[in-house]
């Protein structure tokens, strides 16, 4: 079974949110980590 990965865009991209989700065992990637800042 595939796992879900959460993608947090610039509007939800606070580091504390991503880190909190990761600490809870949730797979998260941010816009900056995906090198997609400013893209649409």
C-alpha atoms as a PDB file:
ATOM      1  CA  UNK A   1       0.000   0.000   0.000  1.00  0.00           C
ATOM      2  CA  UNK A   2       1.246   3.515  -0.781  1.00  0.00           C
ATOM      3  CA  UNK A   3       1.773   5.991   1.994  1.00  0.00           C
ATOM      4  CA  UNK A   4       0.457   9.541   1.940  1.00  0.00           C
ATOM      5  CA  UNK A   5       3.004  12.358   1.956  1.00  0.00           C
ATOM      6  CA  UNK A   6       1.825  15.787   3.077  1.00  0.00           C
ATOM      7  CA  UNK A   7       2.969  18.709   0.944  1.00  0.00           C
ATOM      8  CA  UNK A   8       2.980  22.030   2.820  1.00  0.00           C
ATOM      9  CA  UNK A   9       2.938  25.060   0.535  1.00  0.00           C
ATOM     10  CA  UNK A  10       4.301  28.527   1.344  1.00  0.00           C
ATOM     11  CA  UNK A  11       1.095  29.500   3.154  1.00  0.00           C
ATOM     12  CA  UNK A  12       1.334  26.574   5.574  1.00  0.00           C
ATOM     13  CA  UNK A  13       5.089  26.230   5.486  1.00  0.00           C
ATOM     14  CA  UNK A  14       6.052  27.183   9.033  1.00  0.00           C
ATOM     15  CA  UNK A  15       8.978  25.039  10.104  1.00  0.00           C
ATOM     16  CA  UNK A  16       7.336  24.357  13.453  1.00  0.00           C
ATOM     17  CA  UNK A  17       4.294  22.832  11.733  1.00  0.00           C
ATOM     18  CA  UNK A  18       6.402  20.576   9.513  1.00  0.00           C
ATOM     19  CA  UNK A  19       8.625  19.574  12.421  1.00  0.00           C
ATOM     20  CA  UNK A  20       5.632  18.838  14.645  1.00  0.00           C
ATOM     21  CA  UNK A  21       4.082  16.602  12.001  1.00  0.00           C
ATOM     22  CA  UNK A  22       7.395  14.816  11.467  1.00  0.00           C
ATOM     23  CA  UNK A  23       7.771  14.272  15.206  1.00  0.00           C
ATOM     24  CA  UNK A  24       4.351  12.605  15.104  1.00  0.00           C
ATOM     25  CA  UNK A  25       5.620  10.212  12.418  1.00  0.00           C
ATOM     26  CA  UNK A  26       3.919  11.909   9.458  1.00  0.00           C
ATOM     27  CA  UNK A  27       5.786  12.149   6.135  1.00  0.00           C
ATOM     28  CA  UNK A  28       5.969  15.845   5.189  1.00  0.00           C
ATOM     29  CA  UNK A  29       7.706  17.856   2.490  1.00  0.00           C
ATOM     30  CA  UNK A  30       7.657  21.644   2.266  1.00  0.00           C
ATOM     31  CA  UNK A  31       7.695  23.878  -0.786  1.00  0.00           C
ATOM     32  CA  UNK A  32      11.258  24.964   0.008  1.00  0.00           C
ATOM     33  CA  UNK A  33      12.463  21.370   0.400  1.00  0.00           C
ATOM     34  CA  UNK A  34      10.921  20.499  -2.965  1.00  0.00           C
ATOM     35  CA  UNK A  35      12.672  23.537  -4.491  1.00  0.00           C
ATOM     36  CA  UNK A  36       9.309  24.925  -5.630  1.00  0.00           C
ATOM     37  CA  UNK A  37       9.211  28.365  -3.952  1.00  0.00           C
ATOM     38  CA  UNK A  38       7.385  30.900  -6.110  1.00  0.00           C
ATOM     39  CA  UNK A  39       6.148  28.362  -8.649  1.00  0.00           C
ATOM     40  CA  UNK A  40       2.530  27.856  -9.537  1.00  0.00           C
END
